[in-house]
Amino acid sequence: MDDNGEQLGIMNARDAQKIATERELDLVEVAPNGRPPVCRIMDYGKHKYEQSKRDKVAKKKQKVVTIKEVRMSPKIDEHDFDVKLRNAEKFLRSGDKVKVTVRFRGREIVHSDLARKKLAQMANRVNEVGTVERPPKLEGRNMIMILLPKAETVKTEGKKTADAIQASNLAREN
């Protein structure tokens, strides 16, 4: 294929290289496993530059998901649990995953059912803003559950934040 995308047909490598040299372009092998192998005549430097620009744009559009952790014990008090719950909801609204960890000390590990109930309670209470990505699982002396933010919650929270900023700017101007 030539630089305009037109097929030049099947030819040997020397002839293709000669055509590329005459046009002051490069001969690039596009599909080496094809029968016959497919080559293209192009400006390779320009191609690499355009590829790097596409990669940069794709990287900018990518969102990095961070994992925030909320730790508690299986004997956590109700008010302390509510504080941990509010933190988890705040993290989920901002678009972060939440790793909820229940740490066992001493003989508390015998009562892993209490921790499982606390984690289930946490999952039920945050179901508006998040879903369970990984159910509770005992790993060593910790029981871990991972919560994932719901996509529509993150979008609406971002919109509310933008609206709040705009409203505060209008208030300052008046």
N, C-alpha and C. Protein backbone atom coordinates (compact mmCIF):
# COMPACT_ATOMS: atom_id res chain seq x y z
N MET A 1 0.85 -1.17 0.00
CA MET A 1 0.00 0.00 0.00
C MET A 1 0.90 1.24 0.00
N ASP A 2 0.42 2.29 -0.65
CA ASP A 2 1.22 3.51 -0.67
C ASP A 2 0.72 4.47 0.41
N ASP A 3 1.31 5.67 0.45
CA ASP A 3 0.99 6.63 1.50
C ASP A 3 -0.42 7.20 1.39
N ASN A 4 -1.09 7.04 0.27
CA ASN A 4 -2.46 7.51 0.11
C ASN A 4 -3.48 6.43 0.44
N GLY A 5 -3.02 5.22 0.79
CA GLY A 5 -3.90 4.11 1.13
C GLY A 5 -4.30 3.27 -0.07
N GLU A 6 -3.70 3.52 -1.22
CA GLU A 6 -4.03 2.75 -2.42
C GLU A 6 -3.18 1.49 -2.49
N GLN A 7 -3.76 0.43 -3.02
CA GLN A 7 -3.03 -0.83 -3.14
C GLN A 7 -2.12 -0.78 -4.36
N LEU A 8 -0.86 -1.14 -4.15
CA LEU A 8 0.08 -1.19 -5.26
C LEU A 8 0.23 -2.60 -5.80
N GLY A 9 -0.35 -3.57 -5.11
CA GLY A 9 -0.30 -4.95 -5.56
C GLY A 9 0.83 -5.71 -4.90
N ILE A 10 0.95 -6.98 -5.27
CA ILE A 10 1.99 -7.84 -4.70
C ILE A 10 3.28 -7.63 -5.50
N MET A 11 4.37 -7.36 -4.76
CA MET A 11 5.68 -7.17 -5.40
C MET A 11 6.75 -7.61 -4.43
N ASN A 12 7.95 -7.76 -4.93
CA ASN A 12 9.02 -8.18 -4.02
C ASN A 12 9.52 -6.99 -3.21
N ALA A 13 10.27 -7.29 -2.17
CA ALA A 13 10.70 -6.27 -1.21
C ALA A 13 11.60 -5.22 -1.85
N ARG A 14 12.46 -5.61 -2.79
CA ARG A 14 13.37 -4.65 -3.44
C ARG A 14 12.61 -3.59 -4.22
N ASP A 15 11.61 -4.03 -4.98
CA ASP A 15 10.81 -3.07 -5.75
C ASP A 15 10.05 -2.10 -4.84
N ALA A 16 9.50 -2.63 -3.76
CA ALA A 16 8.76 -1.80 -2.81
C ALA A 16 9.70 -0.80 -2.14
N GLN A 17 10.90 -1.24 -1.80
CA GLN A 17 11.87 -0.34 -1.17
C GLN A 17 12.30 0.74 -2.16
N LYS A 18 12.44 0.37 -3.44
CA LYS A 18 12.82 1.32 -4.47
C LYS A 18 11.76 2.42 -4.63
N ILE A 19 10.47 2.01 -4.61
CA ILE A 19 9.38 2.98 -4.73
C ILE A 19 9.38 3.92 -3.52
N ALA A 20 9.58 3.36 -2.33
CA ALA A 20 9.61 4.16 -1.11
C ALA A 20 10.76 5.16 -1.15
N THR A 21 11.93 4.75 -1.63
CA THR A 21 13.09 5.63 -1.71
C THR A 21 12.84 6.76 -2.71
N GLU A 22 12.21 6.44 -3.83
CA GLU A 22 11.90 7.46 -4.84
C GLU A 22 10.97 8.54 -4.27
N ARG A 23 10.03 8.14 -3.43
CA ARG A 23 9.07 9.08 -2.84
C ARG A 23 9.60 9.71 -1.56
N GLU A 24 10.82 9.35 -1.16
CA GLU A 24 11.46 9.82 0.07
C GLU A 24 10.63 9.49 1.31
N LEU A 25 10.12 8.24 1.33
CA LEU A 25 9.33 7.74 2.45
C LEU A 25 9.94 6.43 2.95
N ASP A 26 9.31 5.84 3.96
CA ASP A 26 9.80 4.59 4.54
C ASP A 26 8.89 3.44 4.16
N LEU A 27 9.46 2.24 4.10
CA LEU A 27 8.70 1.03 3.86
C LEU A 27 8.52 0.34 5.21
N VAL A 28 7.28 0.25 5.66
CA VAL A 28 6.99 -0.29 6.98
C VAL A 28 6.17 -1.56 6.83
N GLU A 29 6.62 -2.63 7.51
CA GLU A 29 5.90 -3.89 7.48
C GLU A 29 4.76 -3.82 8.49
N VAL A 30 3.52 -3.87 7.98
CA VAL A 30 2.35 -3.70 8.83
C VAL A 30 1.87 -5.04 9.39
N ALA A 31 1.77 -6.04 8.56
CA ALA A 31 1.29 -7.36 8.98
C ALA A 31 2.29 -8.42 8.53
N PRO A 32 3.29 -8.70 9.38
CA PRO A 32 4.32 -9.65 8.97
C PRO A 32 3.83 -11.09 8.87
N ASN A 33 2.74 -11.45 9.58
CA ASN A 33 2.25 -12.82 9.55
C ASN A 33 1.31 -13.10 8.39
N GLY A 34 0.94 -12.08 7.65
CA GLY A 34 0.04 -12.26 6.52
C GLY A 34 0.73 -12.99 5.38
N ARG A 35 -0.07 -13.61 4.53
CA ARG A 35 0.49 -14.28 3.34
C ARG A 35 -0.07 -13.60 2.13
N PRO A 36 0.67 -12.84 1.37
CA PRO A 36 2.04 -12.38 1.62
C PRO A 36 2.04 -11.28 2.70
N PRO A 37 3.22 -11.00 3.31
CA PRO A 37 3.30 -9.94 4.32
C PRO A 37 2.86 -8.59 3.74
N VAL A 38 2.15 -7.80 4.54
CA VAL A 38 1.64 -6.52 4.09
C VAL A 38 2.60 -5.42 4.54
N CYS A 39 2.99 -4.57 3.57
CA CYS A 39 3.87 -3.44 3.86
C CYS A 39 3.19 -2.16 3.40
N ARG A 40 3.56 -1.06 4.03
CA ARG A 40 2.98 0.23 3.68
C ARG A 40 4.10 1.24 3.49
N ILE A 41 3.93 2.09 2.50
CA ILE A 41 4.88 3.17 2.26
C ILE A 41 4.33 4.40 2.99
N MET A 42 5.12 4.90 3.97
CA MET A 42 4.66 6.04 4.77
C MET A 42 5.84 6.78 5.37
N ASP A 43 5.56 7.95 5.92
CA ASP A 43 6.56 8.70 6.67
C ASP A 43 6.49 8.17 8.10
N TYR A 44 7.46 7.33 8.47
CA TYR A 44 7.42 6.65 9.76
C TYR A 44 7.53 7.63 10.93
N GLY A 45 8.34 8.66 10.79
CA GLY A 45 8.49 9.67 11.86
C GLY A 45 7.17 10.37 12.14
N LYS A 46 6.46 10.72 11.06
CA LYS A 46 5.16 11.38 11.20
C LYS A 46 4.16 10.43 11.85
N HIS A 47 4.22 9.16 11.47
CA HIS A 47 3.33 8.15 12.04
C HIS A 47 3.58 8.00 13.55
N LYS A 48 4.84 7.94 13.98
CA LYS A 48 5.18 7.82 15.41
C LYS A 48 4.71 9.05 16.18
N TYR A 49 4.86 10.23 15.60
CA TYR A 49 4.43 11.48 16.24
C TYR A 49 2.92 11.47 16.45
N GLU A 50 2.15 11.11 15.42
CA GLU A 50 0.69 11.07 15.54
C GLU A 50 0.25 10.02 16.55
N GLN A 51 0.97 8.88 16.59
CA GLN A 51 0.65 7.82 17.56
C GLN A 51 0.88 8.32 18.98
N SER A 52 1.96 9.06 19.21
CA SER A 52 2.23 9.58 20.56
C SER A 52 1.18 10.61 20.97
N LYS A 53 0.70 11.41 20.02
CA LYS A 53 -0.37 12.37 20.32
C LYS A 53 -1.65 11.64 20.71
N ARG A 54 -2.00 10.58 19.99
CA ARG A 54 -3.20 9.79 20.31
C ARG A 54 -3.07 9.16 21.69
N ASP A 55 -1.86 8.67 22.02
CA ASP A 55 -1.63 8.06 23.32
C ASP A 55 -1.79 9.07 24.45
N LYS A 56 -1.30 10.31 24.23
CA LYS A 56 -1.42 11.35 25.25
C LYS A 56 -2.88 11.71 25.50
N VAL A 57 -3.67 11.81 24.42
CA VAL A 57 -5.10 12.13 24.56
C VAL A 57 -5.80 11.00 25.31
N ALA A 58 -5.48 9.76 24.98
CA ALA A 58 -6.11 8.62 25.66
C ALA A 58 -5.72 8.59 27.14
N LYS A 59 -4.50 8.96 27.44
CA LYS A 59 -4.04 8.96 28.83
C LYS A 59 -4.74 10.05 29.64
N LYS A 60 -5.01 11.21 29.01
CA LYS A 60 -5.72 12.28 29.70
C LYS A 60 -7.15 11.89 30.03
N LYS A 61 -7.80 11.12 29.15
CA LYS A 61 -9.18 10.72 29.36
C LYS A 61 -9.31 9.63 30.41
N GLN A 62 -8.21 8.95 30.73
CA GLN A 62 -8.22 7.87 31.70
C GLN A 62 -8.39 8.40 33.11
N LYS A 63 -9.22 7.75 33.89
CA LYS A 63 -9.39 8.16 35.28
C LYS A 63 -8.68 7.16 36.17
N VAL A 64 -7.84 7.66 37.05
CA VAL A 64 -7.13 6.80 37.97
C VAL A 64 -8.03 6.54 39.17
N VAL A 65 -8.29 5.27 39.42
CA VAL A 65 -9.14 4.90 40.54
C VAL A 65 -8.25 4.63 41.74
N THR A 66 -8.50 5.35 42.82
CA THR A 66 -7.74 5.13 44.03
C THR A 66 -8.59 4.34 45.01
N ILE A 67 -7.90 3.63 45.88
CA ILE A 67 -8.59 2.84 46.89
C ILE A 67 -8.38 3.49 48.24
N LYS A 68 -9.46 3.87 48.88
CA LYS A 68 -9.43 4.42 50.23
C LYS A 68 -9.80 3.30 51.19
N GLU A 69 -9.25 3.37 52.40
CA GLU A 69 -9.52 2.30 53.36
C GLU A 69 -10.25 2.84 54.58
N VAL A 70 -11.22 2.06 55.05
CA VAL A 70 -11.94 2.34 56.28
C VAL A 70 -11.71 1.13 57.18
N ARG A 71 -11.10 1.36 58.36
CA ARG A 71 -10.81 0.28 59.29
C ARG A 71 -11.72 0.36 60.50
N MET A 72 -12.08 -0.81 61.01
CA MET A 72 -12.87 -0.86 62.24
C MET A 72 -12.64 -2.20 62.92
N SER A 73 -13.16 -2.33 64.13
CA SER A 73 -13.07 -3.59 64.86
C SER A 73 -14.45 -4.24 64.86
N PRO A 74 -14.54 -5.52 65.17
CA PRO A 74 -15.86 -6.16 65.17
C PRO A 74 -16.76 -5.66 66.30
N LYS A 75 -16.18 -5.06 67.35
CA LYS A 75 -16.97 -4.56 68.48
C LYS A 75 -17.18 -3.05 68.40
N ILE A 76 -17.23 -2.50 67.20
CA ILE A 76 -17.35 -1.05 67.02
C ILE A 76 -18.70 -0.56 67.53
N ASP A 77 -18.70 0.60 68.15
CA ASP A 77 -19.91 1.20 68.69
C ASP A 77 -20.73 1.80 67.54
N GLU A 78 -22.01 2.01 67.76
CA GLU A 78 -22.91 2.48 66.69
C GLU A 78 -22.51 3.85 66.16
N HIS A 79 -22.18 4.78 67.04
CA HIS A 79 -21.79 6.12 66.57
C HIS A 79 -20.49 6.07 65.77
N ASP A 80 -19.52 5.30 66.25
CA ASP A 80 -18.26 5.16 65.52
C ASP A 80 -18.50 4.52 64.16
N PHE A 81 -19.43 3.56 64.13
CA PHE A 81 -19.78 2.92 62.86
C PHE A 81 -20.38 3.94 61.90
N ASP A 82 -21.22 4.84 62.42
CA ASP A 82 -21.82 5.87 61.56
C ASP A 82 -20.76 6.81 60.99
N VAL A 83 -19.73 7.13 61.79
CA VAL A 83 -18.63 7.97 61.31
C VAL A 83 -17.90 7.27 60.17
N LYS A 84 -17.62 5.99 60.35
CA LYS A 84 -16.93 5.21 59.30
C LYS A 84 -17.81 5.12 58.06
N LEU A 85 -19.11 4.99 58.26
CA LEU A 85 -20.06 4.92 57.16
C LEU A 85 -20.06 6.22 56.36
N ARG A 86 -20.08 7.36 57.06
CA ARG A 86 -20.05 8.66 56.36
C ARG A 86 -18.76 8.82 55.56
N ASN A 87 -17.64 8.39 56.14
CA ASN A 87 -16.37 8.46 55.41
C ASN A 87 -16.42 7.61 54.15
N ALA A 88 -16.95 6.40 54.27
CA ALA A 88 -17.05 5.51 53.11
C ALA A 88 -17.94 6.12 52.04
N GLU A 89 -19.07 6.71 52.45
CA GLU A 89 -19.96 7.35 51.47
C GLU A 89 -19.28 8.52 50.78
N LYS A 90 -18.52 9.30 51.55
CA LYS A 90 -17.80 10.45 50.97
C LYS A 90 -16.79 9.96 49.94
N PHE A 91 -16.06 8.90 50.26
CA PHE A 91 -15.07 8.36 49.32
C PHE A 91 -15.76 7.84 48.06
N LEU A 92 -16.88 7.15 48.22
CA LEU A 92 -17.60 6.60 47.07
C LEU A 92 -18.15 7.73 46.19
N ARG A 93 -18.66 8.79 46.82
CA ARG A 93 -19.19 9.93 46.04
C ARG A 93 -18.10 10.62 45.25
N SER A 94 -16.87 10.62 45.77
CA SER A 94 -15.79 11.27 45.04
C SER A 94 -15.20 10.35 43.97
N GLY A 95 -15.74 9.12 43.84
CA GLY A 95 -15.33 8.24 42.75
C GLY A 95 -14.23 7.26 43.12
N ASP A 96 -13.92 7.11 44.40
CA ASP A 96 -12.87 6.19 44.83
C ASP A 96 -13.49 4.87 45.28
N LYS A 97 -12.70 3.79 45.12
CA LYS A 97 -13.11 2.51 45.68
C LYS A 97 -12.85 2.57 47.18
N VAL A 98 -13.58 1.78 47.94
CA VAL A 98 -13.40 1.76 49.39
C VAL A 98 -13.12 0.33 49.83
N LYS A 99 -12.02 0.17 50.55
CA LYS A 99 -11.66 -1.12 51.14
C LYS A 99 -12.04 -1.06 52.62
N VAL A 100 -13.06 -1.83 53.00
CA VAL A 100 -13.51 -1.83 54.39
C VAL A 100 -12.84 -3.01 55.08
N THR A 101 -12.08 -2.72 56.12
CA THR A 101 -11.31 -3.74 56.82
C THR A 101 -11.76 -3.83 58.26
N VAL A 102 -12.03 -5.05 58.70
CA VAL A 102 -12.32 -5.30 60.11
C VAL A 102 -11.10 -6.05 60.66
N ARG A 103 -10.43 -5.42 61.64
CA ARG A 103 -9.23 -6.03 62.23
C ARG A 103 -9.60 -6.80 63.49
N PHE A 104 -9.07 -8.00 63.58
CA PHE A 104 -9.30 -8.83 64.76
C PHE A 104 -8.08 -8.77 65.64
N ARG A 105 -8.32 -8.65 66.96
CA ARG A 105 -7.23 -8.66 67.92
C ARG A 105 -7.47 -9.82 68.89
N GLY A 106 -6.41 -10.49 69.21
CA GLY A 106 -6.51 -11.57 70.19
C GLY A 106 -7.48 -12.63 69.76
N ARG A 107 -8.45 -12.92 70.64
CA ARG A 107 -9.41 -14.00 70.38
C ARG A 107 -10.65 -13.53 69.65
N GLU A 108 -10.67 -12.28 69.21
CA GLU A 108 -11.84 -11.76 68.49
C GLU A 108 -12.12 -12.53 67.22
N ILE A 109 -11.09 -13.15 66.66
CA ILE A 109 -11.23 -13.84 65.37
C ILE A 109 -12.22 -14.99 65.46
N VAL A 110 -12.47 -15.47 66.67
CA VAL A 110 -13.45 -16.54 66.86
C VAL A 110 -14.84 -16.05 66.47
N HIS A 111 -15.09 -14.76 66.64
CA HIS A 111 -16.40 -14.18 66.33
C HIS A 111 -16.40 -13.48 64.97
N SER A 112 -15.93 -14.17 63.96
CA SER A 112 -15.88 -13.57 62.62
C SER A 112 -17.28 -13.30 62.08
N ASP A 113 -18.31 -13.99 62.63
CA ASP A 113 -19.68 -13.74 62.19
C ASP A 113 -20.13 -12.32 62.53
N LEU A 114 -19.62 -11.74 63.66
CA LEU A 114 -19.94 -10.36 64.00
C LEU A 114 -19.38 -9.40 62.96
N ALA A 115 -18.15 -9.66 62.53
CA ALA A 115 -17.52 -8.81 61.51
C ALA A 115 -18.28 -8.91 60.19
N ARG A 116 -18.69 -10.12 59.85
CA ARG A 116 -19.44 -10.32 58.61
C ARG A 116 -20.76 -9.54 58.65
N LYS A 117 -21.41 -9.51 59.82
CA LYS A 117 -22.66 -8.75 59.97
C LYS A 117 -22.40 -7.25 59.84
N LYS A 118 -21.30 -6.76 60.43
CA LYS A 118 -20.97 -5.33 60.33
C LYS A 118 -20.71 -4.94 58.89
N LEU A 119 -19.99 -5.80 58.17
CA LEU A 119 -19.68 -5.51 56.76
C LEU A 119 -20.95 -5.55 55.91
N ALA A 120 -21.84 -6.50 56.20
CA ALA A 120 -23.12 -6.56 55.47
C ALA A 120 -23.95 -5.31 55.77
N GLN A 121 -23.93 -4.86 57.02
CA GLN A 121 -24.65 -3.64 57.40
C GLN A 121 -24.08 -2.44 56.65
N MET A 122 -22.75 -2.38 56.55
CA MET A 122 -22.10 -1.28 55.81
C MET A 122 -22.53 -1.32 54.34
N ALA A 123 -22.52 -2.51 53.73
CA ALA A 123 -22.90 -2.64 52.32
C ALA A 123 -24.35 -2.21 52.10
N ASN A 124 -25.24 -2.59 53.02
CA ASN A 124 -26.66 -2.23 52.88
C ASN A 124 -26.86 -0.72 53.00
N ARG A 125 -26.11 -0.08 53.88
CA ARG A 125 -26.32 1.35 54.13
C ARG A 125 -25.69 2.24 53.07
N VAL A 126 -24.73 1.73 52.30
CA VAL A 126 -24.12 2.54 51.23
C VAL A 126 -24.63 2.14 49.85
N ASN A 127 -25.70 1.32 49.79
CA ASN A 127 -26.15 0.82 48.48
C ASN A 127 -26.64 1.92 47.55
N GLU A 128 -26.93 3.13 48.05
CA GLU A 128 -27.32 4.23 47.16
C GLU A 128 -26.13 4.73 46.34
N VAL A 129 -24.96 4.74 46.95
CA VAL A 129 -23.79 5.32 46.29
C VAL A 129 -22.76 4.29 45.85
N GLY A 130 -22.87 3.04 46.34
CA GLY A 130 -21.86 2.05 45.98
C GLY A 130 -22.41 0.64 45.97
N THR A 131 -21.65 -0.24 45.36
CA THR A 131 -22.01 -1.65 45.31
C THR A 131 -20.82 -2.47 45.79
N VAL A 132 -21.07 -3.70 46.17
CA VAL A 132 -20.01 -4.58 46.65
C VAL A 132 -19.28 -5.16 45.45
N GLU A 133 -17.98 -4.83 45.35
CA GLU A 133 -17.18 -5.41 44.28
C GLU A 133 -16.65 -6.77 44.71
N ARG A 134 -16.19 -6.86 45.95
CA ARG A 134 -15.70 -8.12 46.49
C ARG A 134 -16.34 -8.35 47.85
N PRO A 135 -17.07 -9.45 48.02
CA PRO A 135 -17.75 -9.71 49.29
C PRO A 135 -16.75 -9.94 50.42
N PRO A 136 -17.21 -9.89 51.67
CA PRO A 136 -16.30 -10.06 52.81
C PRO A 136 -15.54 -11.38 52.74
N LYS A 137 -14.24 -11.28 52.99
CA LYS A 137 -13.38 -12.45 52.93
C LYS A 137 -12.34 -12.33 54.03
N LEU A 138 -12.09 -13.43 54.73
CA LEU A 138 -11.12 -13.44 55.82
C LEU A 138 -9.73 -13.63 55.25
N GLU A 139 -8.84 -12.68 55.52
CA GLU A 139 -7.45 -12.75 55.08
C GLU A 139 -6.56 -12.53 56.29
N GLY A 140 -6.03 -13.60 56.83
CA GLY A 140 -5.20 -13.50 58.02
C GLY A 140 -6.03 -13.05 59.20
N ARG A 141 -5.64 -11.96 59.85
CA ARG A 141 -6.38 -11.43 61.00
C ARG A 141 -7.33 -10.30 60.59
N ASN A 142 -7.59 -10.14 59.31
CA ASN A 142 -8.48 -9.09 58.80
C ASN A 142 -9.59 -9.71 57.96
N MET A 143 -10.75 -9.08 58.01
CA MET A 143 -11.82 -9.43 57.08
C MET A 143 -11.99 -8.22 56.18
N ILE A 144 -11.93 -8.45 54.87
CA ILE A 144 -11.90 -7.35 53.91
C ILE A 144 -13.07 -7.44 52.94
N MET A 145 -13.66 -6.26 52.66
CA MET A 145 -14.70 -6.13 51.64
C MET A 145 -14.37 -4.89 50.82
N ILE A 146 -14.56 -4.95 49.51
CA ILE A 146 -14.27 -3.80 48.65
C ILE A 146 -15.57 -3.29 48.03
N LEU A 147 -15.78 -1.98 48.16
CA LEU A 147 -16.97 -1.33 47.61
C LEU A 147 -16.59 -0.51 46.39
N LEU A 148 -17.45 -0.51 45.41
CA LEU A 148 -17.23 0.18 44.15
C LEU A 148 -18.26 1.29 44.01
N PRO A 149 -17.85 2.51 43.60
CA PRO A 149 -18.85 3.57 43.46
C PRO A 149 -19.76 3.32 42.26
N LYS A 150 -21.02 3.71 42.40
CA LYS A 150 -21.94 3.61 41.27
C LYS A 150 -21.64 4.77 40.33
N ALA A 151 -21.65 4.51 39.04
CA ALA A 151 -21.25 5.50 38.04
C ALA A 151 -22.16 6.73 38.06
N GLU A 152 -23.47 6.53 38.16
CA GLU A 152 -24.38 7.68 38.11
C GLU A 152 -24.23 8.56 39.34
N THR A 153 -23.84 8.00 40.47
CA THR A 153 -23.65 8.79 41.69
C THR A 153 -22.46 9.72 41.54
N VAL A 154 -21.37 9.20 40.98
CA VAL A 154 -20.16 10.00 40.80
C VAL A 154 -20.45 11.17 39.87
N LYS A 155 -21.18 10.91 38.78
CA LYS A 155 -21.49 11.98 37.82
C LYS A 155 -22.36 13.05 38.45
N THR A 156 -23.41 12.64 39.18
CA THR A 156 -24.30 13.64 39.76
C THR A 156 -23.62 14.42 40.86
N GLU A 157 -22.74 13.78 41.62
CA GLU A 157 -22.02 14.49 42.67
C GLU A 157 -21.10 15.53 42.06
N GLY A 158 -20.44 15.17 40.94
CA GLY A 158 -19.57 16.13 40.27
C GLY A 158 -20.36 17.32 39.77
N LYS A 159 -21.58 17.07 39.28
CA LYS A 159 -22.43 18.16 38.79
C LYS A 159 -22.86 19.05 39.95
N LYS A 160 -23.20 18.44 41.09
CA LYS A 160 -23.60 19.22 42.26
C LYS A 160 -22.45 20.11 42.70
N THR A 161 -21.25 19.58 42.68
CA THR A 161 -20.09 20.35 43.09
C THR A 161 -19.88 21.52 42.15
N ALA A 162 -20.00 21.30 40.85
CA ALA A 162 -19.83 22.38 39.88
C ALA A 162 -20.92 23.43 40.05
N ASP A 163 -22.16 22.98 40.32
CA ASP A 163 -23.26 23.92 40.55
C ASP A 163 -23.02 24.73 41.81
N ALA A 164 -22.52 24.07 42.85
CA ALA A 164 -22.24 24.77 44.12
C ALA A 164 -21.16 25.82 43.93
N ILE A 165 -20.13 25.51 43.14
CA ILE A 165 -19.05 26.47 42.88
C ILE A 165 -19.60 27.67 42.12
N GLN A 166 -20.44 27.39 41.11
CA GLN A 166 -21.02 28.47 40.32
C GLN A 166 -21.91 29.36 41.20
N ALA A 167 -22.68 28.75 42.08
CA ALA A 167 -23.56 29.52 42.97
C ALA A 167 -22.74 30.39 43.93
N SER A 168 -21.64 29.83 44.44
CA SER A 168 -20.82 30.62 45.37
C SER A 168 -20.15 31.78 44.63
N ASN A 169 -19.77 31.58 43.39
CA ASN A 169 -19.17 32.66 42.59
C ASN A 169 -20.18 33.78 42.34
N LEU A 170 -21.43 33.41 42.07
CA LEU A 170 -22.48 34.40 41.86
C LEU A 170 -22.76 35.17 43.14
N ALA A 171 -22.73 34.47 44.27
CA ALA A 171 -22.97 35.13 45.56
C ALA A 171 -21.87 36.15 45.87
N ARG A 172 -20.63 35.81 45.53
CA ARG A 172 -19.51 36.74 45.77
C ARG A 172 -19.63 37.99 44.89
N GLU A 173 -20.10 37.80 43.67
CA GLU A 173 -20.22 38.94 42.75
C GLU A 173 -21.29 39.93 43.22
N ASN A 174 -22.36 39.42 43.83
CA ASN A 174 -23.46 40.27 44.29
C ASN A 174 -23.13 40.84 45.61
